[in-house]
PDB file of N, CA and C in Angstrom:
ATOM      1  N   UNK A   1      17.386-130.928 -47.809  1.00  0.00           N
ATOM      2  CA  UNK A   1      17.914-132.235 -47.551  1.00  0.00           C
ATOM      3  C   UNK A   1      19.434-132.160 -47.508  1.00  0.00           C
ATOM      4  N   UNK A   2      20.026-132.791 -46.540  1.00  0.00           N
ATOM      5  CA  UNK A   2      21.469-132.753 -46.360  1.00  0.00           C
ATOM      6  C   UNK A   2      22.134-133.851 -47.176  1.00  0.00           C
ATOM      7  N   UNK A   3      23.207-133.505 -47.826  1.00  0.00           N
ATOM      8  CA  UNK A   3      23.961-134.469 -48.607  1.00  0.00           C
ATOM      9  C   UNK A   3      24.888-135.246 -47.672  1.00  0.00           C
ATOM     10  N   UNK A   4      24.769-136.551 -47.644  1.00  0.00           N
ATOM     11  CA  UNK A   4      25.607-137.380 -46.791  1.00  0.00           C
ATOM     12  C   UNK A   4      26.718-137.973 -47.643  1.00  0.00           C
ATOM     13  N   UNK A   5      27.938-137.659 -47.266  1.00  0.00           N
ATOM     14  CA  UNK A   5      29.103-138.112 -48.020  1.00  0.00           C
ATOM     15  C   UNK A   5      30.017-138.857 -47.071  1.00  0.00           C
ATOM     16  N   UNK A   6      30.408-140.046 -47.451  1.00  0.00           N
ATOM     17  CA  UNK A   6      31.376-140.761 -46.630  1.00  0.00           C
ATOM     18  C   UNK A   6      32.770-140.412 -47.149  1.00  0.00           C
ATOM     19  N   UNK A   7      33.595-139.897 -46.277  1.00  0.00           N
ATOM     20  CA  UNK A   7      34.947-139.530 -46.679  1.00  0.00           C
ATOM     21  C   UNK A   7      35.926-140.535 -46.100  1.00  0.00           C
ATOM     22  N   UNK A   8      37.051-140.661 -46.778  1.00  0.00           N
ATOM     23  CA  UNK A   8      38.066-141.616 -46.367  1.00  0.00           C
ATOM     24  C   UNK A   8      39.428-140.993 -46.655  1.00  0.00           C
ATOM     25  N   UNK A   9      40.354-141.137 -45.727  1.00  0.00           N
ATOM     26  CA  UNK A   9      41.696-140.597 -45.903  1.00  0.00           C
ATOM     27  C   UNK A   9      42.399-141.373 -47.017  1.00  0.00           C
ATOM     28  N   UNK A  10      42.945-140.682 -48.025  1.00  0.00           N
ATOM     29  CA  UNK A  10      43.624-141.389 -49.110  1.00  0.00           C
ATOM     30  C   UNK A  10      44.958-141.996 -48.695  1.00  0.00           C
ATOM     31  N   UNK A  11      45.488-141.580 -47.566  1.00  0.00           N
ATOM     32  CA  UNK A  11      46.795-142.080 -47.136  1.00  0.00           C
ATOM     33  C   UNK A  11      46.681-143.318 -46.246  1.00  0.00           C
ATOM     34  N   UNK A  12      45.806-143.287 -45.226  1.00  0.00           N
ATOM     35  CA  UNK A  12      45.723-144.400 -44.270  1.00  0.00           C
ATOM     36  C   UNK A  12      44.377-145.123 -44.289  1.00  0.00           C
ATOM     37  N   UNK A  13      43.453-144.723 -45.155  1.00  0.00           N
ATOM     38  CA  UNK A  13      42.112-145.313 -45.299  1.00  0.00           C
ATOM     39  C   UNK A  13      41.251-145.193 -44.038  1.00  0.00           C
ATOM     40  N   UNK A  14      41.550-144.224 -43.187  1.00  0.00           N
ATOM     41  CA  UNK A  14      40.718-143.941 -42.022  1.00  0.00           C
ATOM     42  C   UNK A  14      39.372-143.411 -42.526  1.00  0.00           C
ATOM     43  N   UNK A  15      38.270-143.863 -41.941  1.00  0.00           N
ATOM     44  CA  UNK A  15      36.969-143.380 -42.402  1.00  0.00           C
ATOM     45  C   UNK A  15      36.069-142.881 -41.274  1.00  0.00           C
ATOM     46  N   UNK A  16      36.655-142.547 -40.106  1.00  0.00           N
ATOM     47  CA  UNK A  16      35.786-142.133 -39.008  1.00  0.00           C
ATOM     48  C   UNK A  16      36.257-140.942 -38.189  1.00  0.00           C
ATOM     49  N   UNK A  17      37.504-140.507 -38.258  1.00  0.00           N
ATOM     50  CA  UNK A  17      37.911-139.388 -37.399  1.00  0.00           C
ATOM     51  C   UNK A  17      38.697-138.346 -38.190  1.00  0.00           C
ATOM     52  N   UNK A  18      38.039-137.177 -38.386  1.00  0.00           N
ATOM     53  CA  UNK A  18      38.624-136.083 -39.163  1.00  0.00           C
ATOM     54  C   UNK A  18      38.341-134.753 -38.475  1.00  0.00           C
ATOM     55  N   UNK A  19      39.150-133.768 -38.804  1.00  0.00           N
ATOM     56  CA  UNK A  19      38.889-132.379 -38.448  1.00  0.00           C
ATOM     57  C   UNK A  19      38.555-131.627 -39.721  1.00  0.00           C
ATOM     58  N   UNK A  20      37.633-130.674 -39.643  1.00  0.00           N
ATOM     59  CA  UNK A  20      37.484-129.714 -40.735  1.00  0.00           C
ATOM     60  C   UNK A  20      38.722-128.839 -40.665  1.00  0.00           C
ATOM     61  N   UNK A  21      39.395-128.631 -41.796  1.00  0.00           N
ATOM     62  CA  UNK A  21      40.684-127.946 -41.789  1.00  0.00           C
ATOM     63  C   UNK A  21      40.691-126.775 -42.763  1.00  0.00           C
ATOM     64  N   UNK A  22      39.611-126.022 -42.806  1.00  0.00           N
ATOM     65  CA  UNK A  22      39.550-124.847 -43.667  1.00  0.00           C
ATOM     66  C   UNK A  22      39.223-125.210 -45.097  1.00  0.00           C
ATOM     67  N   UNK A  23      39.585-124.319 -45.998  1.00  0.00           N
ATOM     68  CA  UNK A  23      39.321-124.527 -47.419  1.00  0.00           C
ATOM     69  C   UNK A  23      40.616-124.352 -48.189  1.00  0.00           C
ATOM     70  N   UNK A  24      40.715-125.040 -49.320  1.00  0.00           N
ATOM     71  CA  UNK A  24      41.912-124.895 -50.146  1.00  0.00           C
ATOM     72  C   UNK A  24      41.785-123.652 -51.015  1.00  0.00           C
ATOM     73  N   UNK A  25      42.770-123.414 -51.865  1.00  0.00           N
ATOM     74  CA  UNK A  25      42.786-122.178 -52.653  1.00  0.00           C
ATOM     75  C   UNK A  25      41.654-122.099 -53.669  1.00  0.00           C
ATOM     76  N   UNK A  26      41.045-123.252 -54.028  1.00  0.00           N
ATOM     77  CA  UNK A  26      39.932-123.260 -54.965  1.00  0.00           C
ATOM     78  C   UNK A  26      38.574-123.249 -54.265  1.00  0.00           C
ATOM     79  N   UNK A  27      38.566-123.246 -52.936  1.00  0.00           N
ATOM     80  CA  UNK A  27      37.326-123.151 -52.177  1.00  0.00           C
ATOM     81  C   UNK A  27      36.733-124.479 -51.751  1.00  0.00           C
ATOM     82  N   UNK A  28      37.435-125.571 -51.935  1.00  0.00           N
ATOM     83  CA  UNK A  28      36.935-126.879 -51.514  1.00  0.00           C
ATOM     84  C   UNK A  28      37.271-127.123 -50.047  1.00  0.00           C
ATOM     85  N   UNK A  29      36.366-127.786 -49.327  1.00  0.00           N
ATOM     86  CA  UNK A  29      36.562-128.091 -47.918  1.00  0.00           C
ATOM     87  C   UNK A  29      37.719-129.060 -47.740  1.00  0.00           C
ATOM     88  N   UNK A  30      38.664-128.704 -46.858  1.00  0.00           N
ATOM     89  CA  UNK A  30      39.786-129.582 -46.539  1.00  0.00           C
ATOM     90  C   UNK A  30      39.513-130.283 -45.221  1.00  0.00           C
ATOM     91  N   UNK A  31      40.099-131.464 -45.088  1.00  0.00           N
ATOM     92  CA  UNK A  31      40.000-132.237 -43.851  1.00  0.00           C
ATOM     93  C   UNK A  31      41.397-132.631 -43.409  1.00  0.00           C
ATOM     94  N   UNK A  32      41.550-132.841 -42.106  1.00  0.00           N
ATOM     95  CA  UNK A  32      42.799-133.312 -41.533  1.00  0.00           C
ATOM     96  C   UNK A  32      42.501-134.638 -40.845  1.00  0.00           C
ATOM     97  N   UNK A  33      43.206-135.678 -41.246  1.00  0.00           N
ATOM     98  CA  UNK A  33      43.016-136.993 -40.657  1.00  0.00           C
ATOM     99  C   UNK A  33      43.617-136.996 -39.255  1.00  0.00           C
ATOM    100  N   UNK A  34      42.873-137.484 -38.296  1.00  0.00           N
ATOM    101  CA  UNK A  34      43.372-137.521 -36.921  1.00  0.00           C
ATOM    102  C   UNK A  34      44.414-138.611 -36.711  1.00  0.00           C
ATOM    103  N   UNK A  35      44.424-139.637 -37.546  1.00  0.00           N
ATOM    104  CA  UNK A  35      45.395-140.725 -37.398  1.00  0.00           C
ATOM    105  C   UNK A  35      46.761-140.369 -37.958  1.00  0.00           C
ATOM    106  N   UNK A  36      46.803-139.953 -39.232  1.00  0.00           N
ATOM    107  CA  UNK A  36      48.098-139.745 -39.889  1.00  0.00           C
ATOM    108  C   UNK A  36      48.421-138.279 -40.151  1.00  0.00           C
ATOM    109  N   UNK A  37      47.510-137.351 -39.785  1.00  0.00           N
ATOM    110  CA  UNK A  37      47.707-135.902 -39.953  1.00  0.00           C
ATOM    111  C   UNK A  37      47.821-135.475 -41.416  1.00  0.00           C
ATOM    112  N   UNK A  38      47.234-136.251 -42.318  1.00  0.00           N
ATOM    113  CA  UNK A  38      47.253-135.934 -43.743  1.00  0.00           C
ATOM    114  C   UNK A  38      46.117-134.967 -44.067  1.00  0.00           C
ATOM    115  N   UNK A  39      46.396-133.928 -44.875  1.00  0.00           N
ATOM    116  CA  UNK A  39      45.392-132.963 -45.301  1.00  0.00           C
ATOM    117  C   UNK A  39      44.906-133.352 -46.687  1.00  0.00           C
ATOM    118  N   UNK A  40      43.586-133.285 -46.913  1.00  0.00           N
ATOM    119  CA  UNK A  40      43.051-133.614 -48.226  1.00  0.00           C
ATOM    120  C   UNK A  40      41.707-132.943 -48.418  1.00  0.00           C
ATOM    121  N   UNK A  41      41.312-132.807 -49.672  1.00  0.00           N
ATOM    122  CA  UNK A  41      40.017-132.238 -50.045  1.00  0.00           C
ATOM    123  C   UNK A  41      39.319-133.271 -50.934  1.00  0.00           C
ATOM    124  N   UNK A  42      38.397-134.077 -50.371  1.00  0.00           N
ATOM    125  CA  UNK A  42      37.811-135.169 -51.144  1.00  0.00           C
ATOM    126  C   UNK A  42      36.884-134.724 -52.272  1.00  0.00           C
ATOM    127  N   UNK A  43      36.300-133.532 -52.197  1.00  0.00           N
ATOM    128  CA  UNK A  43      35.371-133.079 -53.228  1.00  0.00           C
ATOM    129  C   UNK A  43      36.081-132.464 -54.426  1.00  0.00           C
ATOM    130  N   UNK A  44      37.345-132.161 -54.287  1.00  0.00           N
ATOM    131  CA  UNK A  44      38.093-131.526 -55.370  1.00  0.00           C
ATOM    132  C   UNK A  44      38.337-132.528 -56.488  1.00  0.00           C
ATOM    133  N   UNK A  45      38.018-132.164 -57.730  1.00  0.00           N
ATOM    134  CA  UNK A  45      38.251-133.102 -58.836  1.00  0.00           C
ATOM    135  C   UNK A  45      39.736-133.342 -59.028  1.00  0.00           C
ATOM    136  N   UNK A  46      40.076-134.570 -59.289  1.00  0.00           N
ATOM    137  CA  UNK A  46      41.472-134.948 -59.468  1.00  0.00           C
ATOM    138  C   UNK A  46      41.817-134.920 -60.951  1.00  0.00           C
ATOM    139  N   UNK A  47      42.829-134.164 -61.310  1.00  0.00           N
ATOM    140  CA  UNK A  47      43.238-134.082 -62.703  1.00  0.00           C
ATOM    141  C   UNK A  47      44.488-134.901 -62.964  1.00  0.00           C
ATOM    142  N   UNK A  48      45.071-135.494 -61.942  1.00  0.00           N
ATOM    143  CA  UNK A  48      46.283-136.282 -62.132  1.00  0.00           C
ATOM    144  C   UNK A  48      46.053-137.486 -63.023  1.00  0.00           C
ATOM    145  N   UNK A  49      44.913-138.140 -62.881  1.00  0.00           N
ATOM    146  CA  UNK A  49      44.652-139.328 -63.680  1.00  0.00           C
ATOM    147  C   UNK A  49      44.359-138.976 -65.133  1.00  0.00           C
ATOM    148  N   UNK A  50      43.923-137.741 -65.402  1.00  0.00           N
ATOM    149  CA  UNK A  50      43.582-137.352 -66.767  1.00  0.00           C
ATOM    150  C   UNK A  50      44.774-136.830 -67.547  1.00  0.00           C
ATOM    151  N   UNK A  51      45.878-136.580 -66.889  1.00  0.00           N
ATOM    152  CA  UNK A  51      47.044-136.037 -67.572  1.00  0.00           C
ATOM    153  C   UNK A  51      47.719-137.129 -68.384  1.00  0.00           C
ATOM    154  N   UNK A  52      47.988-136.805 -69.600  1.00  0.00           N
ATOM    155  CA  UNK A  52      48.738-137.701 -70.453  1.00  0.00           C
ATOM    156  C   UNK A  52      49.808-136.860 -71.148  1.00  0.00           C
ATOM    157  N   UNK A  53      50.666-136.251 -70.337  1.00  0.00           N
ATOM    158  CA  UNK A  53      51.655-135.345 -70.860  1.00  0.00           C
ATOM    159  C   UNK A  53      52.823-136.118 -71.461  1.00  0.00           C
ATOM    160  N   UNK A  54      53.430-135.553 -72.499  1.00  0.00           N
ATOM    161  CA  UNK A  54      54.574-136.242 -73.111  1.00  0.00           C
ATOM    162  C   UNK A  54      55.804-136.187 -72.211  1.00  0.00           C
ATOM    163  N   UNK A  55      56.730-137.092 -72.422  1.00  0.00           N
ATOM    164  CA  UNK A  55      58.003-137.091 -71.707  1.00  0.00           C
ATOM    165  C   UNK A  55      58.940-136.088 -72.377  1.00  0.00           C
ATOM    166  N   UNK A  56      59.919-135.618 -71.643  1.00  0.00           N
ATOM    167  CA  UNK A  56      60.905-134.672 -72.173  1.00  0.00           C
ATOM    168  C   UNK A  56      61.752-135.391 -73.225  1.00  0.00           C
ATOM    169  N   UNK A  57      61.899-134.823 -74.421  1.00  0.00           N
ATOM    170  CA  UNK A  57      62.694-135.490 -75.465  1.00  0.00           C
ATOM    171  C   UNK A  57      64.196-135.489 -75.170  1.00  0.00           C
ATOM    172  N   UNK A  58      64.658-134.575 -74.302  1.00  0.00           N
ATOM    173  CA  UNK A  58      66.089-134.497 -74.005  1.00  0.00           C
ATOM    174  C   UNK A  58      66.516-135.471 -72.906  1.00  0.00           C
ATOM    175  N   UNK A  59      65.748-135.506 -71.797  1.00  0.00           N
ATOM    176  CA  UNK A  59      66.171-136.324 -70.657  1.00  0.00           C
ATOM    177  C   UNK A  59      65.200-137.449 -70.322  1.00  0.00           C
ATOM    178  N   UNK A  60      63.992-137.443 -70.896  1.00  0.00           N
ATOM    179  CA  UNK A  60      63.028-138.499 -70.649  1.00  0.00           C
ATOM    180  C   UNK A  60      62.223-138.344 -69.376  1.00  0.00           C
ATOM    181  N   UNK A  61      62.410-137.247 -68.647  1.00  0.00           N
ATOM    182  CA  UNK A  61      61.661-137.030 -67.407  1.00  0.00           C
ATOM    183  C   UNK A  61      60.286-136.455 -67.711  1.00  0.00           C
ATOM    184  N   UNK A  62      59.480-136.273 -66.679  1.00  0.00           N
ATOM    185  CA  UNK A  62      58.117-135.775 -66.828  1.00  0.00           C
ATOM    186  C   UNK A  62      58.109-134.305 -67.260  1.00  0.00           C
ATOM    187  N   UNK A  63      57.001-133.888 -67.845  1.00  0.00           N
ATOM    188  CA  UNK A  63      56.816-132.494 -68.239  1.00  0.00           C
ATOM    189  C   UNK A  63      55.562-131.958 -67.560  1.00  0.00           C
ATOM    190  N   UNK A  64      55.406-130.632 -67.579  1.00  0.00           N
ATOM    191  CA  UNK A  64      54.191-129.998 -67.075  1.00  0.00           C
ATOM    192  C   UNK A  64      53.696-129.009 -68.108  1.00  0.00           C
ATOM    193  N   UNK A  65      52.414-128.706 -68.039  1.00  0.00           N
ATOM    194  CA  UNK A  65      51.790-127.792 -68.983  1.00  0.00           C
ATOM    195  C   UNK A  65      52.114-126.365 -68.579  1.00  0.00           C
ATOM    196  N   UNK A  66      52.906-125.672 -69.404  1.00  0.00           N
ATOM    197  CA  UNK A  66      53.319-124.301 -69.091  1.00  0.00           C
ATOM    198  C   UNK A  66      52.277-123.308 -69.569  1.00  0.00           C
ATOM    199  N   UNK A  67      51.837-123.441 -70.817  1.00  0.00           N
ATOM    200  CA  UNK A  67      50.777-122.596 -71.376  1.00  0.00           C
ATOM    201  C   UNK A  67      49.898-123.454 -72.268  1.00  0.00           C
ATOM    202  N   UNK A  68      48.603-123.206 -72.219  1.00  0.00           N
ATOM    203  CA  UNK A  68      47.665-123.909 -73.073  1.00  0.00           C
ATOM    204  C   UNK A  68      46.968-122.885 -73.956  1.00  0.00           C
ATOM    205  N   UNK A  69      47.466-122.737 -75.168  1.00  0.00           N
ATOM    206  CA  UNK A  69      46.907-121.781 -76.117  1.00  0.00           C
ATOM    207  C   UNK A  69      45.835-122.450 -76.963  1.00  0.00           C
ATOM    208  N   UNK A  70      45.140-121.673 -77.787  1.00  0.00           N
ATOM    209  CA  UNK A  70      44.087-122.229 -78.633  1.00  0.00           C
ATOM    210  C   UNK A  70      44.649-123.180 -79.688  1.00  0.00           C
ATOM    211  N   UNK A  71      45.778-122.833 -80.270  1.00  0.00           N
ATOM    212  CA  UNK A  71      46.314-123.629 -81.370  1.00  0.00           C
ATOM    213  C   UNK A  71      47.397-124.624 -80.965  1.00  0.00           C
ATOM    214  N   UNK A  72      48.006-124.439 -79.813  1.00  0.00           N
ATOM    215  CA  UNK A  72      49.041-125.378 -79.359  1.00  0.00           C
ATOM    216  C   UNK A  72      49.204-125.288 -77.847  1.00  0.00           C
ATOM    217  N   UNK A  73      49.848-126.293 -77.290  1.00  0.00           N
ATOM    218  CA  UNK A  73      50.135-126.334 -75.854  1.00  0.00           C
ATOM    219  C   UNK A  73      51.641-126.345 -75.668  1.00  0.00           C
ATOM    220  N   UNK A  74      52.119-125.608 -74.661  1.00  0.00           N
ATOM    221  CA  UNK A  74      53.550-125.497 -74.393  1.00  0.00           C
ATOM    222  C   UNK A  74      53.870-126.296 -73.133  1.00  0.00           C
ATOM    223  N   UNK A  75      54.701-127.339 -73.281  1.00  0.00           N
ATOM    224  CA  UNK A  75      55.115-128.174 -72.159  1.00  0.00           C
ATOM    225  C   UNK A  75      56.545-127.839 -71.775  1.00  0.00           C
ATOM    226  N   UNK A  76      56.860-127.946 -70.491  1.00  0.00           N
ATOM    227  CA  UNK A  76      58.206-127.713 -70.001  1.00  0.00           C
ATOM    228  C   UNK A  76      58.671-128.932 -69.223  1.00  0.00           C
ATOM    229  N   UNK A  77      59.988-129.148 -69.202  1.00  0.00           N
ATOM    230  CA  UNK A  77      60.569-130.261 -68.471  1.00  0.00           C
ATOM    231  C   UNK A  77      60.549-129.948 -66.972  1.00  0.00           C
ATOM    232  N   UNK A  78      60.317-130.967 -66.159  1.00  0.00           N
ATOM    233  CA  UNK A  78      60.296-130.790 -64.699  1.00  0.00           C
ATOM    234  C   UNK A  78      61.687-130.700 -64.117  1.00  0.00           C
ATOM    235  N   UNK A  79      62.690-131.027 -64.884  1.00  0.00           N
ATOM    236  CA  UNK A  79      64.060-131.027 -64.369  1.00  0.00           C
ATOM    237  C   UNK A  79      64.670-129.646 -64.480  1.00  0.00           C
TER     238      UNK A  79
END
């Protein structure tokens, strides 16, 4: 049985005209929107919404996870 998935461009909300555009580095199928030329992989899990990283104590800008060890996590400033 074939899995039917409705895909939609996250940039322009187009839901009918796409190109298959290869695979991303994690192996998920990428698509290219024919309207706005935006590339996206709808099946790839999004981790942006799950991030709750602390702000930099020096400048207040965003941080990223540099290393995630068993006992502690090391964050670095994006600046």
